[in-house]
Amino acid sequence: AFWLESDRMKQLAFSKEGLEVQRNVVIEEFKQRYLN
């Protein structure tokens, strides 16, 4: 658990593909929670 959290804090992986995947996830979350 310590390793996972420190790795996330120190060197989170940023990529264009990852951002788009998470963007779509959050948009769907917004729709489910607030609109649908």
Full PDB file with SEQRES, HELIX, SHEET, SSBOND, CRYST1, ORIGX, SCALE, CONECT and MASTER records, all heavy atoms in Angstrom:
SEQRES   1 A   36  ALA PHE TRP LEU GLU SER ASP ARG MET LYS GLN LEU ALA          
SEQRES   2 A   36  PHE SER LYS GLU GLY LEU GLU VAL GLN ARG ASN VAL VAL          
SEQRES   3 A   36  ILE GLU GLU PHE LYS GLN ARG TYR LEU ASN                      
HELIX    1 AA1 PHE A    2  GLN A   11  1                                  10    
HELIX    2 AA2 LYS A   16  PHE A   30  1                                  15    
HELIX    3 AA3 LYS A   31  LEU A   35  3                                   5    
CRYST1    1.000    1.000    1.000  90.00  90.00  90.00 P 1           1          
ORIGX1      1.000000  0.000000  0.000000        0.00000                         
ORIGX2      0.000000  1.000000  0.000000        0.00000                         
ORIGX3      0.000000  0.000000  1.000000        0.00000                         
SCALE1      1.000000  0.000000  0.000000        0.00000                         
SCALE2      0.000000  1.000000  0.000000        0.00000                         
SCALE3      0.000000  0.000000  1.000000        0.00000                         
ATOM      1  N   ALA A   1       0.829  -1.205   0.000  1.00  0.00           N  
ATOM      2  CA  ALA A   1       0.000   0.000   0.000  1.00  0.00           C  
ATOM      3  C   ALA A   1       0.870   1.264   0.000  1.00  0.00           C  
ATOM      4  O   ALA A   1       0.590   2.226  -0.720  1.00  0.00           O  
ATOM      5  CB  ALA A   1      -0.927  -0.010   1.214  1.00  0.00           C  
ATOM      6  N   PHE A   2       1.931   1.258   0.808  1.00  0.00           N  
ATOM      7  CA  PHE A   2       2.854   2.397   0.830  1.00  0.00           C  
ATOM      8  C   PHE A   2       3.479   2.609  -0.547  1.00  0.00           C  
ATOM      9  O   PHE A   2       3.581   3.731  -1.042  1.00  0.00           O  
ATOM     10  CB  PHE A   2       3.962   2.157   1.867  1.00  0.00           C  
ATOM     11  CG  PHE A   2       3.629   2.670   3.239  1.00  0.00           C  
ATOM     12  CD1 PHE A   2       2.901   1.898   4.127  1.00  0.00           C  
ATOM     13  CD2 PHE A   2       4.044   3.930   3.644  1.00  0.00           C  
ATOM     14  CE1 PHE A   2       2.593   2.360   5.394  1.00  0.00           C  
ATOM     15  CE2 PHE A   2       3.743   4.403   4.908  1.00  0.00           C  
ATOM     16  CZ  PHE A   2       3.016   3.618   5.789  1.00  0.00           C  
ATOM     17  N   TRP A   3       3.916   1.529  -1.159  1.00  0.00           N  
ATOM     18  CA  TRP A   3       4.548   1.621  -2.477  1.00  0.00           C  
ATOM     19  C   TRP A   3       3.571   2.190  -3.516  1.00  0.00           C  
ATOM     20  O   TRP A   3       3.924   3.086  -4.300  1.00  0.00           O  
ATOM     21  CB  TRP A   3       5.042   0.243  -2.918  1.00  0.00           C  
ATOM     22  CG  TRP A   3       5.344   0.192  -4.386  1.00  0.00           C  
ATOM     23  CD1 TRP A   3       6.334   0.860  -5.047  1.00  0.00           C  
ATOM     24  CD2 TRP A   3       4.630  -0.535  -5.385  1.00  0.00           C  
ATOM     25  NE1 TRP A   3       6.282   0.600  -6.395  1.00  0.00           N  
ATOM     26  CE2 TRP A   3       5.247  -0.256  -6.624  1.00  0.00           C  
ATOM     27  CE3 TRP A   3       3.541  -1.407  -5.345  1.00  0.00           C  
ATOM     28  CZ2 TRP A   3       4.796  -0.823  -7.823  1.00  0.00           C  
ATOM     29  CZ3 TRP A   3       3.101  -1.965  -6.524  1.00  0.00           C  
ATOM     30  CH2 TRP A   3       3.724  -1.680  -7.748  1.00  0.00           C  
ATOM     31  N   LEU A   4       2.335   1.680  -3.508  1.00  0.00           N  
ATOM     32  CA  LEU A   4       1.348   2.150  -4.483  1.00  0.00           C  
ATOM     33  C   LEU A   4       1.092   3.646  -4.336  1.00  0.00           C  
ATOM     34  O   LEU A   4       1.074   4.392  -5.330  1.00  0.00           O  
ATOM     35  CB  LEU A   4       0.030   1.377  -4.303  1.00  0.00           C  
ATOM     36  CG  LEU A   4       0.003  -0.059  -4.814  1.00  0.00           C  
ATOM     37  CD1 LEU A   4      -1.261  -0.759  -4.328  1.00  0.00           C  
ATOM     38  CD2 LEU A   4       0.072  -0.083  -6.333  1.00  0.00           C  
ATOM     39  N   GLU A   5       0.900   4.101  -3.105  1.00  0.00           N  
ATOM     40  CA  GLU A   5       0.584   5.520  -2.900  1.00  0.00           C  
ATOM     41  C   GLU A   5       1.778   6.415  -3.211  1.00  0.00           C  
ATOM     42  O   GLU A   5       1.624   7.500  -3.782  1.00  0.00           O  
ATOM     43  CB  GLU A   5       0.092   5.754  -1.468  1.00  0.00           C  
ATOM     44  CG  GLU A   5      -1.267   5.146  -1.165  1.00  0.00           C  
ATOM     45  CD  GLU A   5      -2.363   5.619  -2.101  1.00  0.00           C  
ATOM     46  OE1 GLU A   5      -2.312   6.786  -2.555  1.00  0.00           O  
ATOM     47  OE2 GLU A   5      -3.260   4.827  -2.412  1.00  0.00           O  
ATOM     48  N   SER A   6       2.965   5.985  -2.840  1.00  0.00           N  
ATOM     49  CA  SER A   6       4.141   6.805  -3.128  1.00  0.00           C  
ATOM     50  C   SER A   6       4.412   6.860  -4.630  1.00  0.00           C  
ATOM     51  O   SER A   6       4.792   7.901  -5.172  1.00  0.00           O  
ATOM     52  CB  SER A   6       5.374   6.262  -2.396  1.00  0.00           C  
ATOM     53  OG  SER A   6       5.730   4.977  -2.881  1.00  0.00           O  
ATOM     54  N   ASP A   7       4.205   5.742  -5.310  1.00  0.00           N  
ATOM     55  CA  ASP A   7       4.409   5.710  -6.762  1.00  0.00           C  
ATOM     56  C   ASP A   7       3.417   6.635  -7.458  1.00  0.00           C  
ATOM     57  O   ASP A   7       3.766   7.354  -8.407  1.00  0.00           O  
ATOM     58  CB  ASP A   7       4.244   4.277  -7.270  1.00  0.00           C  
ATOM     59  CG  ASP A   7       4.511   4.158  -8.758  1.00  0.00           C  
ATOM     60  OD1 ASP A   7       5.674   4.361  -9.163  1.00  0.00           O  
ATOM     61  OD2 ASP A   7       3.561   3.885  -9.512  1.00  0.00           O  
ATOM     62  N   ARG A   8       2.188   6.630  -6.983  1.00  0.00           N  
ATOM     63  CA  ARG A   8       1.164   7.503  -7.566  1.00  0.00           C  
ATOM     64  C   ARG A   8       1.512   8.970  -7.332  1.00  0.00           C  
ATOM     65  O   ARG A   8       1.326   9.818  -8.206  1.00  0.00           O  
ATOM     66  CB  ARG A   8      -0.194   7.161  -6.958  1.00  0.00           C  
ATOM     67  CG  ARG A   8      -1.319   8.034  -7.438  1.00  0.00           C  
ATOM     68  CD  ARG A   8      -2.672   7.410  -7.284  1.00  0.00           C  
ATOM     69  NE  ARG A   8      -2.841   6.639  -6.067  1.00  0.00           N  
ATOM     70  CZ  ARG A   8      -3.778   5.701  -5.914  1.00  0.00           C  
ATOM     71  NH1 ARG A   8      -4.585   5.423  -6.912  1.00  0.00           N  
ATOM     72  NH2 ARG A   8      -3.902   5.052  -4.779  1.00  0.00           N  
ATOM     73  N   MET A   9       2.021   9.287  -6.130  1.00  0.00           N  
ATOM     74  CA  MET A   9       2.348  10.669  -5.807  1.00  0.00           C  
ATOM     75  C   MET A   9       3.597  11.143  -6.548  1.00  0.00           C  
ATOM     76  O   MET A   9       3.681  12.300  -6.977  1.00  0.00           O  
ATOM     77  CB  MET A   9       2.549  10.816  -4.297  1.00  0.00           C  
ATOM     78  CG  MET A   9       2.773  12.236  -3.829  1.00  0.00           C  
ATOM     79  SD  MET A   9       2.950  12.351  -2.028  1.00  0.00           S  
ATOM     80  CE  MET A   9       1.265  12.011  -1.488  1.00  0.00           C  
ATOM     81  N   LYS A  10       4.549  10.264  -6.737  1.00  0.00           N  
ATOM     82  CA  LYS A  10       5.838  10.658  -7.301  1.00  0.00           C  
ATOM     83  C   LYS A  10       5.848  10.662  -8.815  1.00  0.00           C  
ATOM     84  O   LYS A  10       6.453  11.522  -9.444  1.00  0.00           O  
ATOM     85  CB  LYS A  10       6.930   9.714  -6.785  1.00  0.00           C  
ATOM     86  CG  LYS A  10       8.343  10.130  -7.152  1.00  0.00           C  
ATOM     87  CD  LYS A  10       9.354   9.212  -6.505  1.00  0.00           C  
ATOM     88  CE  LYS A  10      10.781   9.666  -6.823  1.00  0.00           C  
ATOM     89  NZ  LYS A  10      11.777   8.783  -6.164  1.00  0.00           N  
ATOM     90  N   GLN A  11       5.192   9.690  -9.445  1.00  0.00           N  
ATOM     91  CA  GLN A  11       5.323   9.564 -10.898  1.00  0.00           C  
ATOM     92  C   GLN A  11       4.032   9.042 -11.536  1.00  0.00           C  
ATOM     93  O   GLN A  11       4.040   8.010 -12.204  1.00  0.00           O  
ATOM     94  CB  GLN A  11       6.511   8.659 -11.243  1.00  0.00           C  
ATOM     95  CG  GLN A  11       6.529   7.334 -10.518  1.00  0.00           C  
ATOM     96  CD  GLN A  11       7.827   6.583 -10.727  1.00  0.00           C  
ATOM     97  OE1 GLN A  11       8.830   7.128 -11.179  1.00  0.00           O  
ATOM     98  NE2 GLN A  11       7.809   5.287 -10.422  1.00  0.00           N  
ATOM     99  N   LEU A  12       2.959   9.771 -11.312  1.00  0.00           N  
ATOM    100  CA  LEU A  12       1.704   9.398 -11.961  1.00  0.00           C  
ATOM    101  C   LEU A  12       1.871   9.475 -13.478  1.00  0.00           C  
ATOM    102  O   LEU A  12       2.429  10.444 -14.011  1.00  0.00           O  
ATOM    103  CB  LEU A  12       0.586  10.345 -11.509  1.00  0.00           C  
ATOM    104  CG  LEU A  12      -0.820  10.014 -12.016  1.00  0.00           C  
ATOM    105  CD1 LEU A  12      -1.320   8.721 -11.400  1.00  0.00           C  
ATOM    106  CD2 LEU A  12      -1.785  11.145 -11.689  1.00  0.00           C  
ATOM    107  N   ALA A  13       1.389   8.466 -14.161  1.00  0.00           N  
ATOM    108  CA  ALA A  13       1.537   8.419 -15.616  1.00  0.00           C  
ATOM    109  C   ALA A  13       0.489   9.293 -16.298  1.00  0.00           C  
ATOM    110  O   ALA A  13      -0.711   9.091 -16.119  1.00  0.00           O  
ATOM    111  CB  ALA A  13       1.402   6.971 -16.089  1.00  0.00           C  
ATOM    112  N   PHE A  14       0.953  10.281 -17.043  1.00  0.00           N  
ATOM    113  CA  PHE A  14       0.059  11.148 -17.813  1.00  0.00           C  
ATOM    114  C   PHE A  14       0.221  10.804 -19.291  1.00  0.00           C  
ATOM    115  O   PHE A  14       1.332  10.747 -19.807  1.00  0.00           O  
ATOM    116  CB  PHE A  14       0.411  12.624 -17.610  1.00  0.00           C  
ATOM    117  CG  PHE A  14       0.102  13.152 -16.247  1.00  0.00           C  
ATOM    118  CD1 PHE A  14       1.093  13.268 -15.293  1.00  0.00           C  
ATOM    119  CD2 PHE A  14      -1.191  13.545 -15.922  1.00  0.00           C  
ATOM    120  CE1 PHE A  14       0.806  13.761 -14.025  1.00  0.00           C  
ATOM    121  CE2 PHE A  14      -1.492  14.040 -14.657  1.00  0.00           C  
ATOM    122  CZ  PHE A  14      -0.482  14.144 -13.712  1.00  0.00           C  
ATOM    123  N   SER A  15      -0.895  10.585 -19.962  1.00  0.00           N  
ATOM    124  CA  SER A  15      -0.855  10.347 -21.408  1.00  0.00           C  
ATOM    125  C   SER A  15      -2.134  10.890 -22.032  1.00  0.00           C  
ATOM    126  O   SER A  15      -3.167  10.986 -21.361  1.00  0.00           O  
ATOM    127  CB  SER A  15      -0.729   8.854 -21.714  1.00  0.00           C  
ATOM    128  OG  SER A  15      -1.917   8.169 -21.349  1.00  0.00           O  
ATOM    129  N   LYS A  16      -2.047  11.227 -23.287  1.00  0.00           N  
ATOM    130  CA  LYS A  16      -3.212  11.741 -24.001  1.00  0.00           C  
ATOM    131  C   LYS A  16      -4.327  10.703 -24.012  1.00  0.00           C  
ATOM    132  O   LYS A  16      -5.503  11.027 -23.810  1.00  0.00           O  
ATOM    133  CB  LYS A  16      -2.825  12.121 -25.430  1.00  0.00           C  
ATOM    134  CG  LYS A  16      -3.965  12.729 -26.235  1.00  0.00           C  
ATOM    135  CD  LYS A  16      -3.511  13.121 -27.626  1.00  0.00           C  
ATOM    136  CE  LYS A  16      -4.675  13.703 -28.431  1.00  0.00           C  
ATOM    137  NZ  LYS A  16      -4.245  14.092 -29.813  1.00  0.00           N  
ATOM    138  N   GLU A  17      -3.941   9.443 -24.239  1.00  0.00           N  
ATOM    139  CA  GLU A  17      -4.945   8.390 -24.279  1.00  0.00           C  
ATOM    140  C   GLU A  17      -5.603   8.200 -22.908  1.00  0.00           C  
ATOM    141  O   GLU A  17      -6.829   8.038 -22.808  1.00  0.00           O  
ATOM    142  CB  GLU A  17      -4.287   7.073 -24.712  1.00  0.00           C  
ATOM    143  CG  GLU A  17      -3.751   7.065 -26.139  1.00  0.00           C  
ATOM    144  CD  GLU A  17      -2.420   7.806 -26.275  1.00  0.00           C  
ATOM    145  OE1 GLU A  17      -1.800   8.114 -25.216  1.00  0.00           O  
ATOM    146  OE2 GLU A  17      -2.029   8.087 -27.413  1.00  0.00           O  
ATOM    147  N   GLY A  18      -4.793   8.237 -21.862  1.00  0.00           N  
ATOM    148  CA  GLY A  18      -5.337   8.082 -20.516  1.00  0.00           C  
ATOM    149  C   GLY A  18      -6.290   9.201 -20.145  1.00  0.00           C  
ATOM    150  O   GLY A  18      -7.332   8.965 -19.507  1.00  0.00           O  
ATOM    151  N   LEU A  19      -5.924  10.419 -20.546  1.00  0.00           N  
ATOM    152  CA  LEU A  19      -6.785  11.558 -20.256  1.00  0.00           C  
ATOM    153  C   LEU A  19      -8.138  11.414 -20.939  1.00  0.00           C  
ATOM    154  O   LEU A  19      -9.189  11.674 -20.333  1.00  0.00           O  
ATOM    155  CB  LEU A  19      -6.108  12.858 -20.697  1.00  0.00           C  
ATOM    156  CG  LEU A  19      -6.934  14.140 -20.521  1.00  0.00           C  
ATOM    157  CD1 LEU A  19      -7.306  14.363 -19.056  1.00  0.00           C  
ATOM    158  CD2 LEU A  19      -6.183  15.349 -21.063  1.00  0.00           C  
ATOM    159  N   GLU A  20      -8.146  10.977 -22.186  1.00  0.00           N  
ATOM    160  CA  GLU A  20      -9.402  10.845 -22.925  1.00  0.00           C  
ATOM    161  C   GLU A  20     -10.270   9.737 -22.340  1.00  0.00           C  
ATOM    162  O   GLU A  20     -11.493   9.871 -22.272  1.00  0.00           O  
ATOM    163  CB  GLU A  20      -9.121  10.582 -24.408  1.00  0.00           C  
ATOM    164  CG  GLU A  20      -8.500  11.762 -25.136  1.00  0.00           C  
ATOM    165  CD  GLU A  20      -9.266  13.047 -24.901  1.00  0.00           C  
ATOM    166  OE1 GLU A  20     -10.511  13.048 -25.012  1.00  0.00           O  
ATOM    167  OE2 GLU A  20      -8.629  14.075 -24.580  1.00  0.00           O  
ATOM    168  N   VAL A  21      -9.634   8.641 -21.916  1.00  0.00           N  
ATOM    169  CA  VAL A  21     -10.400   7.559 -21.288  1.00  0.00           C  
ATOM    170  C   VAL A  21     -11.080   8.062 -20.028  1.00  0.00           C  
ATOM    171  O   VAL A  21     -12.286   7.842 -19.812  1.00  0.00           O  
ATOM    172  CB  VAL A  21      -9.481   6.359 -20.963  1.00  0.00           C  
ATOM    173  CG1 VAL A  21     -10.212   5.353 -20.055  1.00  0.00           C  
ATOM    174  CG2 VAL A  21      -9.031   5.665 -22.241  1.00  0.00           C  
ATOM    175  N   GLN A  22     -10.317   8.748 -19.179  1.00  0.00           N  
ATOM    176  CA  GLN A  22     -10.876   9.226 -17.920  1.00  0.00           C  
ATOM    177  C   GLN A  22     -11.881  10.358 -18.137  1.00  0.00           C  
ATOM    178  O   GLN A  22     -12.841  10.494 -17.383  1.00  0.00           O  
ATOM    179  CB  GLN A  22      -9.751   9.693 -16.987  1.00  0.00           C  
ATOM    180  CG  GLN A  22      -8.848   8.582 -16.522  1.00  0.00           C  
ATOM    181  CD  GLN A  22      -9.624   7.425 -15.900  1.00  0.00           C  
ATOM    182  OE1 GLN A  22     -10.558   7.634 -15.126  1.00  0.00           O  
ATOM    183  NE2 GLN A  22      -9.251   6.204 -16.259  1.00  0.00           N  
ATOM    184  N   ARG A  23     -11.663  11.164 -19.166  1.00  0.00           N  
ATOM    185  CA  ARG A  23     -12.632  12.215 -19.479  1.00  0.00           C  
ATOM    186  C   ARG A  23     -13.999  11.605 -19.780  1.00  0.00           C  
ATOM    187  O   ARG A  23     -15.031  12.059 -19.279  1.00  0.00           O  
ATOM    188  CB  ARG A  23     -12.151  13.036 -20.677  1.00  0.00           C  
ATOM    189  CG  ARG A  23     -13.003  14.292 -20.935  1.00  0.00           C  
ATOM    190  CD  ARG A  23     -12.787  14.842 -22.338  1.00  0.00           C  
ATOM    191  NE  ARG A  23     -11.388  15.031 -22.672  1.00  0.00           N  
ATOM    192  CZ  ARG A  23     -10.665  16.094 -22.306  1.00  0.00           C  
ATOM    193  NH1 ARG A  23     -11.218  17.046 -21.578  1.00  0.00           N  
ATOM    194  NH2 ARG A  23      -9.405  16.193 -22.683  1.00  0.00           N  
ATOM    195  N   ASN A  24     -14.005  10.548 -20.592  1.00  0.00           N  
ATOM    196  CA  ASN A  24     -15.263   9.885 -20.934  1.00  0.00           C  
ATOM    197  C   ASN A  24     -15.901   9.232 -19.708  1.00  0.00           C  
ATOM    198  O   ASN A  24     -17.121   9.238 -19.555  1.00  0.00           O  
ATOM    199  CB  ASN A  24     -15.020   8.836 -22.020  1.00  0.00           C  
ATOM    200  CG  ASN A  24     -14.662   9.462 -23.353  1.00  0.00           C  
ATOM    201  OD1 ASN A  24     -15.088  10.586 -23.655  1.00  0.00           O  
ATOM    202  ND2 ASN A  24     -13.882   8.763 -24.160  1.00  0.00           N  
ATOM    203  N   VAL A  25     -15.069   8.673 -18.825  1.00  0.00           N  
ATOM    204  CA  VAL A  25     -15.574   8.062 -17.595  1.00  0.00           C  
ATOM    205  C   VAL A  25     -16.274   9.117 -16.731  1.00  0.00           C  
ATOM    206  O   VAL A  25     -17.372   8.889 -16.220  1.00  0.00           O  
ATOM    207  CB  VAL A  25     -14.431   7.395 -16.806  1.00  0.00           C  
ATOM    208  CG1 VAL A  25     -14.907   6.997 -15.406  1.00  0.00           C  
ATOM    209  CG2 VAL A  25     -13.910   6.169 -17.548  1.00  0.00           C  
ATOM    210  N   VAL A  26     -15.641  10.276 -16.579  1.00  0.00           N  
ATOM    211  CA  VAL A  26     -16.196  11.324 -15.721  1.00  0.00           C  
ATOM    212  C   VAL A  26     -17.453  11.933 -16.346  1.00  0.00           C  
ATOM    213  O   VAL A  26     -18.408  12.257 -15.638  1.00  0.00           O  
ATOM    214  CB  VAL A  26     -15.134  12.413 -15.439  1.00  0.00           C  
ATOM    215  CG1 VAL A  26     -15.736  13.539 -14.602  1.00  0.00           C  
ATOM    216  CG2 VAL A  26     -13.943  11.807 -14.710  1.00  0.00           C  
ATOM    217  N   ILE A  27     -17.470  12.070 -17.657  1.00  0.00           N  
ATOM    218  CA  ILE A  27     -18.672  12.575 -18.331  1.00  0.00           C  
ATOM    219  C   ILE A  27     -19.845  11.630 -18.096  1.00  0.00           C  
ATOM    220  O   ILE A  27     -20.971  12.062 -17.805  1.00  0.00           O  
ATOM    221  CB  ILE A  27     -18.416  12.769 -19.839  1.00  0.00           C  
ATOM    222  CG1 ILE A  27     -17.502  13.987 -20.064  1.00  0.00           C  
ATOM    223  CG2 ILE A  27     -19.734  12.952 -20.599  1.00  0.00           C  
ATOM    224  CD1 ILE A  27     -17.084  14.183 -21.508  1.00  0.00           C  
ATOM    225  N   GLU A  28     -19.590  10.327 -18.201  1.00  0.00           N  
ATOM    226  CA  GLU A  28     -20.652   9.355 -17.940  1.00  0.00           C  
ATOM    227  C   GLU A  28     -21.110   9.404 -16.485  1.00  0.00           C  
ATOM    228  O   GLU A  28     -22.299   9.274 -16.190  1.00  0.00           O  
ATOM    229  CB  GLU A  28     -20.171   7.951 -18.298  1.00  0.00           C  
ATOM    230  CG  GLU A  28     -20.131   7.675 -19.791  1.00  0.00           C  
ATOM    231  CD  GLU A  28     -21.471   7.944 -20.466  1.00  0.00           C  
ATOM    232  OE1 GLU A  28     -22.495   7.438 -19.971  1.00  0.00           O  
ATOM    233  OE2 GLU A  28     -21.498   8.685 -21.467  1.00  0.00           O  
ATOM    234  N   GLU A  29     -20.151   9.603 -15.587  1.00  0.00           N  
ATOM    235  CA  GLU A  29     -20.495   9.732 -14.171  1.00  0.00           C  
ATOM    236  C   GLU A  29     -21.382  10.953 -13.946  1.00  0.00           C  
ATOM    237  O   GLU A  29     -22.365  10.893 -13.203  1.00  0.00           O  
ATOM    238  CB  GLU A  29     -19.218   9.860 -13.339  1.00  0.00           C  
ATOM    239  CG  GLU A  29     -19.467  10.015 -11.845  1.00  0.00           C  
ATOM    240  CD  GLU A  29     -18.194  10.272 -11.067  1.00  0.00           C  
ATOM    241  OE1 GLU A  29     -17.096  10.064 -11.626  1.00  0.00           O  
ATOM    242  OE2 GLU A  29     -18.290  10.692  -9.891  1.00  0.00           O  
ATOM    243  N   PHE A  30     -21.048  12.059 -14.610  1.00  0.00           N  
ATOM    244  CA  PHE A  30     -21.846  13.279 -14.507  1.00  0.00           C  
ATOM    245  C   PHE A  30     -23.271  13.024 -14.995  1.00  0.00           C  
ATOM    246  O   PHE A  30     -24.249  13.417 -14.344  1.00  0.00           O  
ATOM    247  CB  PHE A  30     -21.186  14.396 -15.332  1.00  0.00           C  
ATOM    248  CG  PHE A  30     -21.818  15.750 -15.159  1.00  0.00           C  
ATOM    249  CD1 PHE A  30     -21.245  16.695 -14.322  1.00  0.00           C  
ATOM    250  CD2 PHE A  30     -22.991  16.095 -15.832  1.00  0.00           C  
ATOM    251  CE1 PHE A  30     -21.823  17.951 -14.157  1.00  0.00           C  
ATOM    252  CE2 PHE A  30     -23.568  17.332 -15.672  1.00  0.00           C  
ATOM    253  CZ  PHE A  30     -22.992  18.273 -14.825  1.00  0.00           C  
ATOM    254  N   LYS A  31     -23.391  12.353 -16.126  1.00  0.00           N  
ATOM    255  CA  LYS A  31     -24.713  12.079 -16.688  1.00  0.00           C  
ATOM    256  C   LYS A  31     -25.530  11.182 -15.757  1.00  0.00           C  
ATOM    257  O   LYS A  31     -26.711  11.439 -15.513  1.00  0.00           O  
ATOM    258  CB  LYS A  31     -24.568  11.409 -18.058  1.00  0.00           C  
ATOM    259  CG  LYS A  31     -24.049  12.322 -19.152  1.00  0.00           C  
ATOM    260  CD  LYS A  31     -23.895  11.564 -20.466  1.00  0.00           C  
ATOM    261  CE  LYS A  31     -23.394  12.460 -21.579  1.00  0.00           C  
ATOM    262  NZ  LYS A  31     -23.178  11.701 -22.848  1.00  0.00           N  
ATOM    263  N   GLN A  32     -24.900  10.134 -15.237  1.00  0.00           N  
ATOM    264  CA  GLN A  32     -25.624   9.197 -14.381  1.00  0.00           C  
ATOM    265  C   GLN A  32     -26.055   9.853 -13.073  1.00  0.00           C  
ATOM    266  O   GLN A  32     -27.160   9.630 -12.595  1.00  0.00           O  
ATOM    267  CB  GLN A  32     -24.731   7.987 -14.080  1.00  0.00           C  
ATOM    268  CG  GLN A  32     -24.508   7.088 -15.278  1.00  0.00           C  
ATOM    269  CD  GLN A  32     -23.591   5.913 -14.966  1.00  0.00           C  
ATOM    270  OE1 GLN A  32     -23.393   5.582 -13.812  1.00  0.00           O  
ATOM    271  NE2 GLN A  32     -23.035   5.299 -15.988  1.00  0.00           N  
ATOM    272  N   ARG A  33     -25.180  10.671 -12.506  1.00  0.00           N  
ATOM    273  CA  ARG A  33     -25.463  11.245 -11.198  1.00  0.00           C  
ATOM    274  C   ARG A  33     -26.409  12.437 -11.276  1.00  0.00           C  
ATOM    275  O   ARG A  33     -27.288  12.597 -10.425  1.00  0.00           O  
ATOM    276  CB  ARG A  33     -24.154  11.668 -10.530  1.00  0.00           C  
ATOM    277  CG  ARG A  33     -24.344  12.288  -9.151  1.00  0.00           C  
ATOM    278  CD  ARG A  33     -23.015  12.659  -8.528  1.00  0.00           C  
ATOM    279  NE  ARG A  33     -22.167  11.504  -8.306  1.00  0.00           N  
ATOM    280  CZ  ARG A  33     -20.938  11.575  -7.785  1.00  0.00           C  
ATOM    281  NH1 ARG A  33     -20.430  12.738  -7.454  1.00  0.00           N  
ATOM    282  NH2 ARG A  33     -20.227  10.478  -7.605  1.00  0.00           N  
ATOM    283  N   TYR A  34     -26.240  13.282 -12.294  1.00  0.00           N  
ATOM    284  CA  TYR A  34     -26.958  14.560 -12.321  1.00  0.00           C  
ATOM    285  C   TYR A  34     -28.040  14.683 -13.393  1.00  0.00           C  
ATOM    286  O   TYR A  34     -28.961  15.470 -13.237  1.00  0.00           O  
ATOM    287  CB  TYR A  34     -25.964  15.712 -12.504  1.00  0.00           C  
ATOM    288  CG  TYR A  34     -25.001  15.861 -11.355  1.00  0.00           C  
ATOM    289  CD1 TYR A  34     -23.668  15.480 -11.489  1.00  0.00           C  
ATOM    290  CD2 TYR A  34     -25.419  16.365 -10.129  1.00  0.00           C  
ATOM    291  CE1 TYR A  34     -22.773  15.612 -10.432  1.00  0.00           C  
ATOM    292  CE2 TYR A  34     -24.541  16.506  -9.073  1.00  0.00           C  
ATOM    293  CZ  TYR A  34     -23.223  16.123  -9.224  1.00  0.00           C  
ATOM    294  OH  TYR A  34     -22.346  16.256  -8.173  1.00  0.00           O  
ATOM    295  N   LEU A  35     -27.917  13.936 -14.485  1.00  0.00           N  
ATOM    296  CA  LEU A  35     -28.828  14.171 -15.606  1.00  0.00           C  
ATOM    297  C   LEU A  35     -29.792  13.025 -15.877  1.00  0.00           C  
ATOM    298  O   LEU A  35     -30.900  13.261 -16.366  1.00  0.00           O  
ATOM    299  CB  LEU A  35     -28.014  14.450 -16.881  1.00  0.00           C  
ATOM    300  CG  LEU A  35     -27.020  15.611 -16.801  1.00  0.00           C  
ATOM    301  CD1 LEU A  35     -26.328  15.793 -18.152  1.00  0.00           C  
ATOM    302  CD2 LEU A  35     -27.711  16.911 -16.375  1.00  0.00           C  
ATOM    303  N   ASN A  36     -29.382  11.804 -15.579  1.00  0.00           N  
ATOM    304  CA  ASN A  36     -30.176  10.649 -15.991  1.00  0.00           C  
ATOM    305  C   ASN A  36     -30.951   9.991 -14.866  1.00  0.00           C  
ATOM    306  O   ASN A  36     -31.341   8.833 -14.975  1.00  0.00           O  
ATOM    307  CB  ASN A  36     -29.269   9.604 -16.658  1.00  0.00           C  
ATOM    308  CG  ASN A  36     -28.662  10.123 -17.948  1.00  0.00           C  
ATOM    309  OD1 ASN A  36     -29.146  11.090 -18.537  1.00  0.00           O  
ATOM    310  ND2 ASN A  36     -27.583   9.492 -18.387  1.00  0.00           N  
TER     311      ASN A  36                                                      
MASTER        0    0    0    3    0    0    0    6  310    1    0    3          
END                                                                             
